[in-house]
PDB file of all heavy atoms in Angstrom:
ATOM      1  N   ILE A   1      -1.616   1.411 -53.049  1.00  0.00           N
ATOM      2  CA  ILE A   1      -2.537   1.837 -53.942  1.00  0.00           C
ATOM      3  C   ILE A   1      -3.982   1.466 -53.421  1.00  0.00           C
ATOM      4  O   ILE A   1      -4.152   0.271 -53.071  1.00  0.00           O
ATOM      5  CB  ILE A   1      -2.281   1.094 -55.323  1.00  0.00           C
ATOM      6  CG1 ILE A   1      -0.789   1.466 -55.776  1.00  0.00           C
ATOM      7  CG2 ILE A   1      -3.328   1.411 -56.285  1.00  0.00           C
ATOM      8  CD1 ILE A   1      -0.484   0.786 -57.140  1.00  0.00           C
ATOM      9  N   ARG A   2      -4.876   2.298 -53.518  1.00  0.00           N
ATOM     10  CA  ARG A   2      -6.103   2.027 -53.043  1.00  0.00           C
ATOM     11  C   ARG A   2      -6.900   1.044 -54.052  1.00  0.00           C
ATOM     12  O   ARG A   2      -6.594   1.102 -55.037  1.00  0.00           O
ATOM     13  CB  ARG A   2      -7.003   3.167 -52.718  1.00  0.00           C
ATOM     14  CG  ARG A   2      -7.501   3.973 -54.096  1.00  0.00           C
ATOM     15  CD  ARG A   2      -8.565   5.000 -53.863  1.00  0.00           C
ATOM     16  NE  ARG A   2      -8.972   5.431 -55.058  1.00  0.00           N
ATOM     17  CZ  ARG A   2      -9.906   4.947 -55.936  1.00  0.00           C
ATOM     18  NH1 ARG A   2     -10.470   3.844 -55.587  1.00  0.00           N
ATOM     19  NH2 ARG A   2     -10.328   5.484 -57.080  1.00  0.00           N
ATOM     20  N   ASP A   3      -7.798   0.119 -53.373  1.00  0.00           N
ATOM     21  CA  ASP A   3      -8.715  -0.620 -54.318  1.00  0.00           C
ATOM     22  C   ASP A   3      -9.465   0.320 -55.168  1.00  0.00           C
ATOM     23  O   ASP A   3      -9.891   1.334 -54.781  1.00  0.00           O
ATOM     24  CB  ASP A   3      -9.593  -1.448 -53.403  1.00  0.00           C
ATOM     25  CG  ASP A   3      -8.899  -2.555 -52.686  1.00  0.00           C
ATOM     26  OD1 ASP A   3      -7.671  -2.587 -52.818  1.00  0.00           O
ATOM     27  OD2 ASP A   3      -9.602  -3.245 -51.818  1.00  0.00           O
ATOM     28  N   GLY A   4      -9.494  -0.040 -56.424  1.00  0.00           N
ATOM     29  CA  GLY A   4     -10.103   0.779 -57.437  1.00  0.00           C
ATOM     30  C   GLY A   4      -9.284   1.830 -58.092  1.00  0.00           C
ATOM     31  O   GLY A   4      -9.607   2.626 -58.817  1.00  0.00           O
ATOM     32  N   GLY A   5      -7.922   1.744 -57.692  1.00  0.00           N
ATOM     33  CA  GLY A   5      -6.954   2.665 -58.369  1.00  0.00           C
ATOM     34  C   GLY A   5      -6.563   2.384 -59.777  1.00  0.00           C
ATOM     35  O   GLY A   5      -7.051   1.515 -60.355  1.00  0.00           O
ATOM     36  N   GLN A   6      -5.503   3.217 -60.268  1.00  0.00           N
ATOM     37  CA  GLN A   6      -5.310   3.082 -61.661  1.00  0.00           C
ATOM     38  C   GLN A   6      -3.707   3.067 -61.750  1.00  0.00           C
ATOM     39  O   GLN A   6      -2.977   3.736 -61.015  1.00  0.00           O
ATOM     40  CB  GLN A   6      -5.645   4.261 -62.518  1.00  0.00           C
ATOM     41  CG  GLN A   6      -7.262   4.423 -62.648  1.00  0.00           C
ATOM     42  CD  GLN A   6      -7.865   5.356 -61.489  1.00  0.00           C
ATOM     43  OE1 GLN A   6      -7.091   5.868 -60.799  1.00  0.00           O
ATOM     44  NE2 GLN A   6      -9.163   5.387 -61.340  1.00  0.00           N
ATOM     45  N   ILE A   7      -3.308   2.267 -62.720  1.00  0.00           N
ATOM     46  CA  ILE A   7      -1.808   2.276 -63.060  1.00  0.00           C
ATOM     47  C   ILE A   7      -1.740   2.528 -64.638  1.00  0.00           C
ATOM     48  O   ILE A   7      -2.440   2.091 -65.434  1.00  0.00           O
ATOM     49  CB  ILE A   7      -1.262   0.838 -62.849  1.00  0.00           C
ATOM     50  CG1 ILE A   7      -1.177   0.613 -61.284  1.00  0.00           C
ATOM     51  CG2 ILE A   7       0.197   0.783 -63.396  1.00  0.00           C
ATOM     52  CD1 ILE A   7      -0.841  -0.788 -61.074  1.00  0.00           C
ATOM     53  N   VAL A   8      -0.898   3.600 -64.962  1.00  0.00           N
ATOM     54  CA  VAL A   8      -0.655   3.878 -66.364  1.00  0.00           C
ATOM     55  C   VAL A   8       0.862   3.660 -66.543  1.00  0.00           C
ATOM     56  O   VAL A   8       1.750   4.224 -65.935  1.00  0.00           O
ATOM     57  CB  VAL A   8      -1.030   5.246 -66.642  1.00  0.00           C
ATOM     58  CG1 VAL A   8      -0.660   5.548 -68.081  1.00  0.00           C
ATOM     59  CG2 VAL A   8      -2.509   5.502 -66.472  1.00  0.00           C
ATOM     60  N   ASN A   9       1.206   2.783 -67.631  1.00  0.00           N
ATOM     61  CA  ASN A   9       2.586   2.501 -67.939  1.00  0.00           C
ATOM     62  C   ASN A   9       2.851   3.294 -69.336  1.00  0.00           C
ATOM     63  O   ASN A   9       2.072   3.024 -70.245  1.00  0.00           O
ATOM     64  CB  ASN A   9       2.869   1.074 -68.165  1.00  0.00           C
ATOM     65  CG  ASN A   9       2.713   0.384 -66.691  1.00  0.00           C
ATOM     66  OD1 ASN A   9       3.172   0.885 -65.747  1.00  0.00           O
ATOM     67  ND2 ASN A   9       2.243  -0.777 -66.805  1.00  0.00           N
ATOM     68  N   VAL A  10       3.912   4.140 -69.273  1.00  0.00           N
ATOM     69  CA  VAL A  10       4.169   4.821 -70.578  1.00  0.00           C
ATOM     70  C   VAL A  10       5.182   3.882 -71.470  1.00  0.00           C
ATOM     71  O   VAL A  10       6.313   3.537 -71.007  1.00  0.00           O
ATOM     72  CB  VAL A  10       4.836   6.262 -70.335  1.00  0.00           C
ATOM     73  CG1 VAL A  10       5.172   6.959 -71.447  1.00  0.00           C
ATOM     74  CG2 VAL A  10       3.784   7.106 -69.311  1.00  0.00           C
ATOM     75  N   THR A  11       4.656   3.670 -72.637  1.00  0.00           N
ATOM     76  CA  THR A  11       5.480   2.738 -73.548  1.00  0.00           C
ATOM     77  C   THR A  11       5.889   3.618 -74.713  1.00  0.00           C
ATOM     78  O   THR A  11       6.366   4.666 -74.659  1.00  0.00           O
ATOM     79  CB  THR A  11       4.641   1.405 -73.901  1.00  0.00           C
ATOM     80  OG1 THR A  11       3.424   1.882 -74.498  1.00  0.00           O
ATOM     81  CG2 THR A  11       4.303   0.619 -72.579  1.00  0.00           C
ATOM     82  N   SER A  12       5.799   3.011 -76.044  1.00  0.00           N
ATOM     83  CA  SER A  12       6.269   3.795 -77.097  1.00  0.00           C
ATOM     84  C   SER A  12       5.614   3.271 -78.335  1.00  0.00           C
ATOM     85  O   SER A  12       5.419   1.950 -78.469  1.00  0.00           O
ATOM     86  CB  SER A  12       7.742   3.657 -77.193  1.00  0.00           C
ATOM     87  OG  SER A  12       8.240   4.196 -78.342  1.00  0.00           O
ATOM     88  N   ALA A  13       5.305   4.131 -79.354  1.00  0.00           N
ATOM     89  CA  ALA A  13       4.908   3.660 -80.595  1.00  0.00           C
ATOM     90  C   ALA A  13       5.997   2.766 -81.454  1.00  0.00           C
ATOM     91  O   ALA A  13       5.647   2.076 -82.270  1.00  0.00           O
ATOM     92  CB  ALA A  13       4.444   4.844 -81.590  1.00  0.00           C
ATOM     93  N   THR A  14       7.211   2.877 -80.922  1.00  0.00           N
ATOM     94  CA  THR A  14       8.208   2.023 -81.585  1.00  0.00           C
ATOM     95  C   THR A  14       8.068   0.514 -81.272  1.00  0.00           C
ATOM     96  O   THR A  14       8.686  -0.266 -81.998  1.00  0.00           O
ATOM     97  CB  THR A  14       9.542   2.354 -80.996  1.00  0.00           C
ATOM     98  OG1 THR A  14       9.806   2.217 -79.603  1.00  0.00           O
ATOM     99  CG2 THR A  14      10.098   3.776 -81.417  1.00  0.00           C
ATOM    100  N   THR A  15       7.179   0.113 -80.455  1.00  0.00           N
ATOM    101  CA  THR A  15       6.724  -1.256 -80.221  1.00  0.00           C
ATOM    102  C   THR A  15       5.962  -1.812 -81.424  1.00  0.00           C
ATOM    103  O   THR A  15       5.984  -2.964 -81.600  1.00  0.00           O
ATOM    104  CB  THR A  15       6.096  -1.427 -78.931  1.00  0.00           C
ATOM    105  OG1 THR A  15       4.780  -0.849 -79.079  1.00  0.00           O
ATOM    106  CG2 THR A  15       6.875  -0.960 -77.709  1.00  0.00           C
ATOM    107  N   ARG A  16       5.333  -0.839 -82.132  1.00  0.00           N
ATOM    108  CA  ARG A  16       4.548  -1.318 -83.307  1.00  0.00           C
ATOM    109  C   ARG A  16       5.224  -0.963 -84.731  1.00  0.00           C
ATOM    110  O   ARG A  16       5.246  -1.670 -85.440  1.00  0.00           O
ATOM    111  CB  ARG A  16       3.278  -0.425 -83.295  1.00  0.00           C
ATOM    112  CG  ARG A  16       2.389  -0.670 -84.553  1.00  0.00           C
ATOM    113  CD  ARG A  16       1.095   0.306 -84.544  1.00  0.00           C
ATOM    114  NE  ARG A  16       1.455   1.661 -84.630  1.00  0.00           N
ATOM    115  CZ  ARG A  16       1.809   2.456 -85.589  1.00  0.00           C
ATOM    116  NH1 ARG A  16       1.953   1.811 -86.729  1.00  0.00           N
ATOM    117  NH2 ARG A  16       2.168   3.795 -85.487  1.00  0.00           N
ATOM    118  N   ALA A  17       5.822   0.280 -84.744  1.00  0.00           N
ATOM    119  CA  ALA A  17       6.554   0.670 -85.912  1.00  0.00           C
ATOM    120  C   ALA A  17       7.898   0.621 -85.648  1.00  0.00           C
ATOM    121  O   ALA A  17       8.591   1.540 -84.971  1.00  0.00           O
ATOM    122  CB  ALA A  17       6.085   2.150 -86.304  1.00  0.00           C
ATOM    123  N   ALA A  18       8.607  -0.458 -86.330  1.00  0.00           N
ATOM    124  CA  ALA A  18      10.122  -0.613 -86.124  1.00  0.00           C
ATOM    125  C   ALA A  18      10.901   0.564 -86.512  1.00  0.00           C
ATOM    126  O   ALA A  18      10.672   0.931 -87.721  1.00  0.00           O
ATOM    127  CB  ALA A  18      10.460  -1.902 -86.685  1.00  0.00           C
ATOM    128  N   THR A  19      11.719   1.072 -85.754  1.00  0.00           N
ATOM    129  CA  THR A  19      12.602   2.127 -86.026  1.00  0.00           C
ATOM    130  C   THR A  19      14.109   1.676 -85.824  1.00  0.00           C
ATOM    131  O   THR A  19      14.418   1.531 -84.714  1.00  0.00           O
ATOM    132  CB  THR A  19      12.289   3.410 -85.292  1.00  0.00           C
ATOM    133  OG1 THR A  19      10.926   3.754 -85.458  1.00  0.00           O
ATOM    134  CG2 THR A  19      13.095   4.521 -85.627  1.00  0.00           C
ATOM    135  N   ALA A  20      14.869   1.633 -86.887  1.00  0.00           N
ATOM    136  CA  ALA A  20      16.217   1.287 -86.776  1.00  0.00           C
ATOM    137  C   ALA A  20      16.947   2.082 -85.628  1.00  0.00           C
ATOM    138  O   ALA A  20      16.899   3.332 -85.633  1.00  0.00           O
ATOM    139  CB  ALA A  20      16.935   1.287 -87.992  1.00  0.00           C
ATOM    140  N   GLY A  21      17.749   1.452 -84.790  1.00  0.00           N
ATOM    141  CA  GLY A  21      18.541   2.173 -83.831  1.00  0.00           C
ATOM    142  C   GLY A  21      18.068   2.130 -82.483  1.00  0.00           C
ATOM    143  O   GLY A  21      18.655   2.752 -81.540  1.00  0.00           O
ATOM    144  N   VAL A  22      16.809   1.691 -82.283  1.00  0.00           N
ATOM    145  CA  VAL A  22      16.147   1.762 -80.934  1.00  0.00           C
ATOM    146  C   VAL A  22      15.681   0.364 -80.319  1.00  0.00           C
ATOM    147  O   VAL A  22      14.842   0.265 -79.643  1.00  0.00           O
ATOM    148  CB  VAL A  22      14.998   2.801 -80.784  1.00  0.00           C
ATOM    149  CG1 VAL A  22      15.521   4.219 -81.072  1.00  0.00           C
ATOM    150  CG2 VAL A  22      13.907   2.524 -81.756  1.00  0.00           C
ATOM    151  N   ALA A  23      16.338  -0.694 -80.879  1.00  0.00           N
ATOM    152  CA  ALA A  23      15.831  -2.018 -80.618  1.00  0.00           C
ATOM    153  C   ALA A  23      15.676  -2.311 -79.152  1.00  0.00           C
ATOM    154  O   ALA A  23      14.642  -2.953 -78.659  1.00  0.00           O
ATOM    155  CB  ALA A  23      16.752  -3.079 -81.237  1.00  0.00           C
ATOM    156  N   PRO A  24      16.677  -2.134 -78.350  1.00  0.00           N
ATOM    157  CA  PRO A  24      16.551  -2.410 -76.933  1.00  0.00           C
ATOM    158  C   PRO A  24      15.449  -1.725 -76.225  1.00  0.00           C
ATOM    159  O   PRO A  24      14.590  -2.176 -75.420  1.00  0.00           O
ATOM    160  CB  PRO A  24      17.921  -2.161 -76.265  1.00  0.00           C
ATOM    161  CG  PRO A  24      18.833  -2.202 -77.424  1.00  0.00           C
ATOM    162  CD  PRO A  24      18.106  -1.657 -78.612  1.00  0.00           C
ATOM    163  N   TYR A  25      15.555  -0.336 -76.406  1.00  0.00           N
ATOM    164  CA  TYR A  25      14.430   0.510 -75.909  1.00  0.00           C
ATOM    165  C   TYR A  25      13.011  -0.023 -76.312  1.00  0.00           C
ATOM    166  O   TYR A  25      12.087  -0.148 -75.519  1.00  0.00           O
ATOM    167  CB  TYR A  25      14.581   1.944 -76.453  1.00  0.00           C
ATOM    168  CG  TYR A  25      13.426   2.986 -76.110  1.00  0.00           C
ATOM    169  CD1 TYR A  25      13.537   3.562 -74.916  1.00  0.00           C
ATOM    170  CD2 TYR A  25      12.478   3.186 -77.110  1.00  0.00           C
ATOM    171  CE1 TYR A  25      12.531   4.495 -74.726  1.00  0.00           C
ATOM    172  CE2 TYR A  25      11.433   4.171 -76.791  1.00  0.00           C
ATOM    173  CZ  TYR A  25      11.533   4.743 -75.564  1.00  0.00           C
ATOM    174  OH  TYR A  25      10.491   5.672 -75.259  1.00  0.00           O
ATOM    175  N   ALA A  26      12.733  -0.370 -77.598  1.00  0.00           N
ATOM    176  CA  ALA A  26      11.562  -0.687 -77.990  1.00  0.00           C
ATOM    177  C   ALA A  26      11.203  -2.042 -77.408  1.00  0.00           C
ATOM    178  O   ALA A  26      10.026  -2.366 -77.173  1.00  0.00           O
ATOM    179  CB  ALA A  26      11.469  -0.716 -79.649  1.00  0.00           C
ATOM    180  N   ALA A  27      12.100  -2.996 -77.408  1.00  0.00           N
ATOM    181  CA  ALA A  27      11.919  -4.331 -76.908  1.00  0.00           C
ATOM    182  C   ALA A  27      11.490  -4.326 -75.408  1.00  0.00           C
ATOM    183  O   ALA A  27      10.341  -4.975 -74.935  1.00  0.00           O
ATOM    184  CB  ALA A  27      13.166  -5.182 -76.929  1.00  0.00           C
ATOM    185  N   PHE A  28      11.949  -3.413 -74.615  1.00  0.00           N
ATOM    186  CA  PHE A  28      11.608  -3.299 -73.271  1.00  0.00           C
ATOM    187  C   PHE A  28      10.284  -2.605 -73.050  1.00  0.00           C
ATOM    188  O   PHE A  28       9.411  -2.838 -72.228  1.00  0.00           O
ATOM    189  CB  PHE A  28      12.665  -2.730 -72.342  1.00  0.00           C
ATOM    190  CG  PHE A  28      13.954  -3.443 -72.490  1.00  0.00           C
ATOM    191  CD1 PHE A  28      15.179  -2.767 -72.608  1.00  0.00           C
ATOM    192  CD2 PHE A  28      14.071  -4.790 -72.371  1.00  0.00           C
ATOM    193  CE1 PHE A  28      16.320  -3.548 -72.646  1.00  0.00           C
ATOM    194  CE2 PHE A  28      15.268  -5.544 -72.421  1.00  0.00           C
ATOM    195  CZ  PHE A  28      16.367  -4.813 -72.563  1.00  0.00           C
ATOM    196  N   LYS A  29      10.064  -1.608 -73.900  1.00  0.00           N
ATOM    197  CA  LYS A  29       8.771  -0.985 -73.882  1.00  0.00           C
ATOM    198  C   LYS A  29       7.636  -1.986 -74.416  1.00  0.00           C
ATOM    199  O   LYS A  29       6.557  -2.044 -73.782  1.00  0.00           O
ATOM    200  CB  LYS A  29       8.680   0.227 -74.799  1.00  0.00           C
ATOM    201  CG  LYS A  29       9.458   1.466 -74.314  1.00  0.00           C
ATOM    202  CD  LYS A  29       8.812   1.973 -73.082  1.00  0.00           C
ATOM    203  CE  LYS A  29       9.540   3.397 -72.672  1.00  0.00           C
ATOM    204  NZ  LYS A  29       9.030   3.896 -71.405  1.00  0.00           N
ATOM    205  N   GLY A  30       7.963  -2.949 -75.183  1.00  0.00           N
ATOM    206  CA  GLY A  30       7.101  -4.020 -75.643  1.00  0.00           C
ATOM    207  C   GLY A  30       6.791  -4.897 -74.404  1.00  0.00           C
ATOM    208  O   GLY A  30       5.666  -5.401 -74.249  1.00  0.00           O
ATOM    209  N   GLY A  31       7.902  -5.174 -73.750  1.00  0.00           N
ATOM    210  CA  GLY A  31       7.689  -5.997 -72.507  1.00  0.00           C
ATOM    211  C   GLY A  31       6.701  -5.305 -71.554  1.00  0.00           C
ATOM    212  O   GLY A  31       5.974  -5.966 -70.836  1.00  0.00           O
ATOM    213  N   LEU A  32       7.000  -3.999 -71.355  1.00  0.00           N
ATOM    214  CA  LEU A  32       6.078  -3.165 -70.407  1.00  0.00           C
ATOM    215  C   LEU A  32       4.525  -3.324 -70.922  1.00  0.00           C
ATOM    216  O   LEU A  32       3.726  -3.249 -70.029  1.00  0.00           O
ATOM    217  CB  LEU A  32       6.679  -1.799 -70.350  1.00  0.00           C
ATOM    218  CG  LEU A  32       5.806  -0.864 -69.205  1.00  0.00           C
ATOM    219  CD1 LEU A  32       6.040  -1.510 -67.888  1.00  0.00           C
ATOM    220  CD2 LEU A  32       6.551   0.483 -69.378  1.00  0.00           C
ATOM    221  N   GLU A  33       4.351  -3.312 -72.241  1.00  0.00           N
ATOM    222  CA  GLU A  33       2.922  -3.418 -72.765  1.00  0.00           C
ATOM    223  C   GLU A  33       2.384  -4.733 -72.166  1.00  0.00           C
ATOM    224  O   GLU A  33       1.149  -4.919 -71.794  1.00  0.00           O
ATOM    225  CB  GLU A  33       2.943  -3.374 -74.300  1.00  0.00           C
ATOM    226  CG  GLU A  33       2.981  -1.804 -74.652  1.00  0.00           C
ATOM    227  CD  GLU A  33       2.842  -1.775 -76.190  1.00  0.00           C
ATOM    228  OE1 GLU A  33       2.456  -2.802 -76.768  1.00  0.00           O
ATOM    229  OE2 GLU A  33       2.939  -0.682 -76.830  1.00  0.00           O
ATOM    230  N   VAL A  34       3.168  -5.760 -72.377  1.00  0.00           N
ATOM    231  CA  VAL A  34       2.699  -7.107 -71.990  1.00  0.00           C
ATOM    232  C   VAL A  34       2.451  -7.132 -70.450  1.00  0.00           C
ATOM    233  O   VAL A  34       1.499  -7.664 -69.925  1.00  0.00           O
ATOM    234  CB  VAL A  34       3.582  -8.190 -72.466  1.00  0.00           C
ATOM    235  CG1 VAL A  34       3.280  -9.560 -71.749  1.00  0.00           C
ATOM    236  CG2 VAL A  34       3.789  -8.328 -73.814  1.00  0.00           C
ATOM    237  N   LEU A  35       3.490  -6.506 -69.680  1.00  0.00           N
ATOM    238  CA  LEU A  35       3.377  -6.534 -68.243  1.00  0.00           C
ATOM    239  C   LEU A  35       2.017  -5.867 -67.910  1.00  0.00           C
ATOM    240  O   LEU A  35       1.436  -6.173 -66.828  1.00  0.00           O
ATOM    241  CB  LEU A  35       4.524  -5.844 -67.612  1.00  0.00           C
ATOM    242  CG  LEU A  35       4.465  -5.567 -66.105  1.00  0.00           C
ATOM    243  CD1 LEU A  35       4.419  -6.927 -65.350  1.00  0.00           C
ATOM    244  CD2 LEU A  35       5.778  -4.929 -65.779  1.00  0.00           C
ATOM    245  N   THR A  36       1.602  -4.727 -68.487  1.00  0.00           N
ATOM    246  CA  THR A  36       0.390  -3.997 -68.315  1.00  0.00           C
ATOM    247  C   THR A  36      -0.718  -4.923 -68.234  1.00  0.00           C
ATOM    248  O   THR A  36      -1.649  -4.943 -67.353  1.00  0.00           O
ATOM    249  CB  THR A  36       0.214  -2.888 -69.359  1.00  0.00           C
ATOM    250  OG1 THR A  36       1.353  -2.052 -69.354  1.00  0.00           O
ATOM    251  CG2 THR A  36      -1.044  -2.105 -69.144  1.00  0.00           C
ATOM    252  N   ARG A  37      -0.871  -5.807 -69.232  1.00  0.00           N
ATOM    253  CA  ARG A  37      -2.061  -6.831 -69.305  1.00  0.00           C
ATOM    254  C   ARG A  37      -1.992  -7.692 -68.100  1.00  0.00           C
ATOM    255  O   ARG A  37      -3.024  -8.054 -67.486  1.00  0.00           O
ATOM    256  CB  ARG A  37      -2.018  -7.460 -70.604  1.00  0.00           C
ATOM    257  CG  ARG A  37      -2.287  -6.632 -71.821  1.00  0.00           C
ATOM    258  CD  ARG A  37      -2.673  -7.424 -73.005  1.00  0.00           C
ATOM    259  NE  ARG A  37      -1.566  -8.133 -73.570  1.00  0.00           N
ATOM    260  CZ  ARG A  37      -0.584  -7.735 -74.377  1.00  0.00           C
ATOM    261  NH1 ARG A  37      -0.567  -6.531 -74.893  1.00  0.00           N
ATOM    262  NH2 ARG A  37       0.384  -8.615 -74.762  1.00  0.00           N
ATOM    263  N   TYR A  38      -0.866  -8.130 -67.608  1.00  0.00           N
ATOM    264  CA  TYR A  38      -0.671  -9.022 -66.543  1.00  0.00           C
ATOM    265  C   TYR A  38      -1.103  -8.288 -65.274  1.00  0.00           C
ATOM    266  O   TYR A  38      -1.727  -8.863 -64.304  1.00  0.00           O
ATOM    267  CB  TYR A  38       0.603  -9.632 -66.493  1.00  0.00           C
ATOM    268  CG  TYR A  38       0.722 -10.898 -67.331  1.00  0.00           C
ATOM    269  CD1 TYR A  38       1.043 -10.764 -68.635  1.00  0.00           C
ATOM    270  CD2 TYR A  38       0.525 -12.119 -66.811  1.00  0.00           C
ATOM    271  CE1 TYR A  38       1.017 -11.833 -69.624  1.00  0.00           C
ATOM    272  CE2 TYR A  38       0.592 -13.223 -67.617  1.00  0.00           C
ATOM    273  CZ  TYR A  38       0.775 -13.216 -69.028  1.00  0.00           C
ATOM    274  OH  TYR A  38       0.948 -14.198 -69.842  1.00  0.00           O
ATOM    275  N   MET A  39      -0.650  -6.952 -65.186  1.00  0.00           N
ATOM    276  CA  MET A  39      -1.152  -6.247 -63.956  1.00  0.00           C
ATOM    277  C   MET A  39      -2.593  -6.083 -63.947  1.00  0.00           C
ATOM    278  O   MET A  39      -3.196  -6.375 -62.921  1.00  0.00           O
ATOM    279  CB  MET A  39      -0.508  -4.772 -64.017  1.00  0.00           C
ATOM    280  CG  MET A  39       0.945  -4.679 -63.927  1.00  0.00           C
ATOM    281  SD  MET A  39       1.625  -3.109 -63.994  1.00  0.00           S
ATOM    282  CE  MET A  39       3.160  -3.138 -63.524  1.00  0.00           C
ATOM    283  N   ALA A  40      -3.281  -5.755 -65.084  1.00  0.00           N
ATOM    284  CA  ALA A  40      -4.773  -5.689 -65.129  1.00  0.00           C
ATOM    285  C   ALA A  40      -5.315  -7.103 -64.723  1.00  0.00           C
ATOM    286  O   ALA A  40      -6.345  -7.083 -63.953  1.00  0.00           O
ATOM    287  CB  ALA A  40      -5.165  -5.351 -66.532  1.00  0.00           C
ATOM    288  N   LYS A  41      -4.716  -8.294 -65.150  1.00  0.00           N
ATOM    289  CA  LYS A  41      -5.401  -9.440 -64.843  1.00  0.00           C
ATOM    290  C   LYS A  41      -5.146  -9.721 -63.315  1.00  0.00           C
ATOM    291  O   LYS A  41      -6.028 -10.163 -62.666  1.00  0.00           O
ATOM    292  CB  LYS A  41      -4.624 -10.507 -65.686  1.00  0.00           C
ATOM    293  CG  LYS A  41      -5.046 -12.014 -65.412  1.00  0.00           C
ATOM    294  CD  LYS A  41      -6.449 -12.291 -66.209  1.00  0.00           C
ATOM    295  CE  LYS A  41      -6.705 -13.661 -66.014  1.00  0.00           C
ATOM    296  NZ  LYS A  41      -8.019 -13.928 -66.744  1.00  0.00           N
ATOM    297  N   GLU A  42      -3.911  -9.539 -62.762  1.00  0.00           N
ATOM    298  CA  GLU A  42      -3.603 -10.018 -61.366  1.00  0.00           C
ATOM    299  C   GLU A  42      -4.190  -9.027 -60.309  1.00  0.00           C
ATOM    300  O   GLU A  42      -4.451  -9.502 -59.189  1.00  0.00           O
ATOM    301  CB  GLU A  42      -2.151 -10.269 -61.188  1.00  0.00           C
ATOM    302  CG  GLU A  42      -1.604 -11.376 -62.038  1.00  0.00           C
ATOM    303  CD  GLU A  42      -0.182 -11.805 -61.730  1.00  0.00           C
ATOM    304  OE1 GLU A  42       0.355 -11.220 -60.573  1.00  0.00           O
ATOM    305  OE2 GLU A  42       0.386 -12.550 -62.407  1.00  0.00           O
ATOM    306  N   PHE A  43      -4.333  -7.770 -60.666  1.00  0.00           N
ATOM    307  CA  PHE A  43      -4.765  -6.747 -59.741  1.00  0.00           C
ATOM    308  C   PHE A  43      -6.354  -6.612 -59.775  1.00  0.00           C
ATOM    309  O   PHE A  43      -6.879  -5.754 -59.130  1.00  0.00           O
ATOM    310  CB  PHE A  43      -4.166  -5.428 -59.911  1.00  0.00           C
ATOM    311  CG  PHE A  43      -2.615  -5.511 -59.926  1.00  0.00           C
ATOM    312  CD1 PHE A  43      -1.794  -4.431 -60.394  1.00  0.00           C
ATOM    313  CD2 PHE A  43      -1.872  -6.518 -59.236  1.00  0.00           C
ATOM    314  CE1 PHE A  43      -0.348  -4.574 -60.347  1.00  0.00           C
ATOM    315  CE2 PHE A  43      -0.516  -6.732 -59.144  1.00  0.00           C
ATOM    316  CZ  PHE A  43       0.147  -5.671 -59.679  1.00  0.00           C
TER     317      PHE A  43
END
């Protein structure tokens, strides 16, 4: 990835609005949202 590049992680609105039946999916998408901030920090 070139310096000054971009990363976009596709997550889900289910991380904000709980929807019964998709708990693992939403939990891991929530983890990806947190990871996104750490990517921004470390890169």
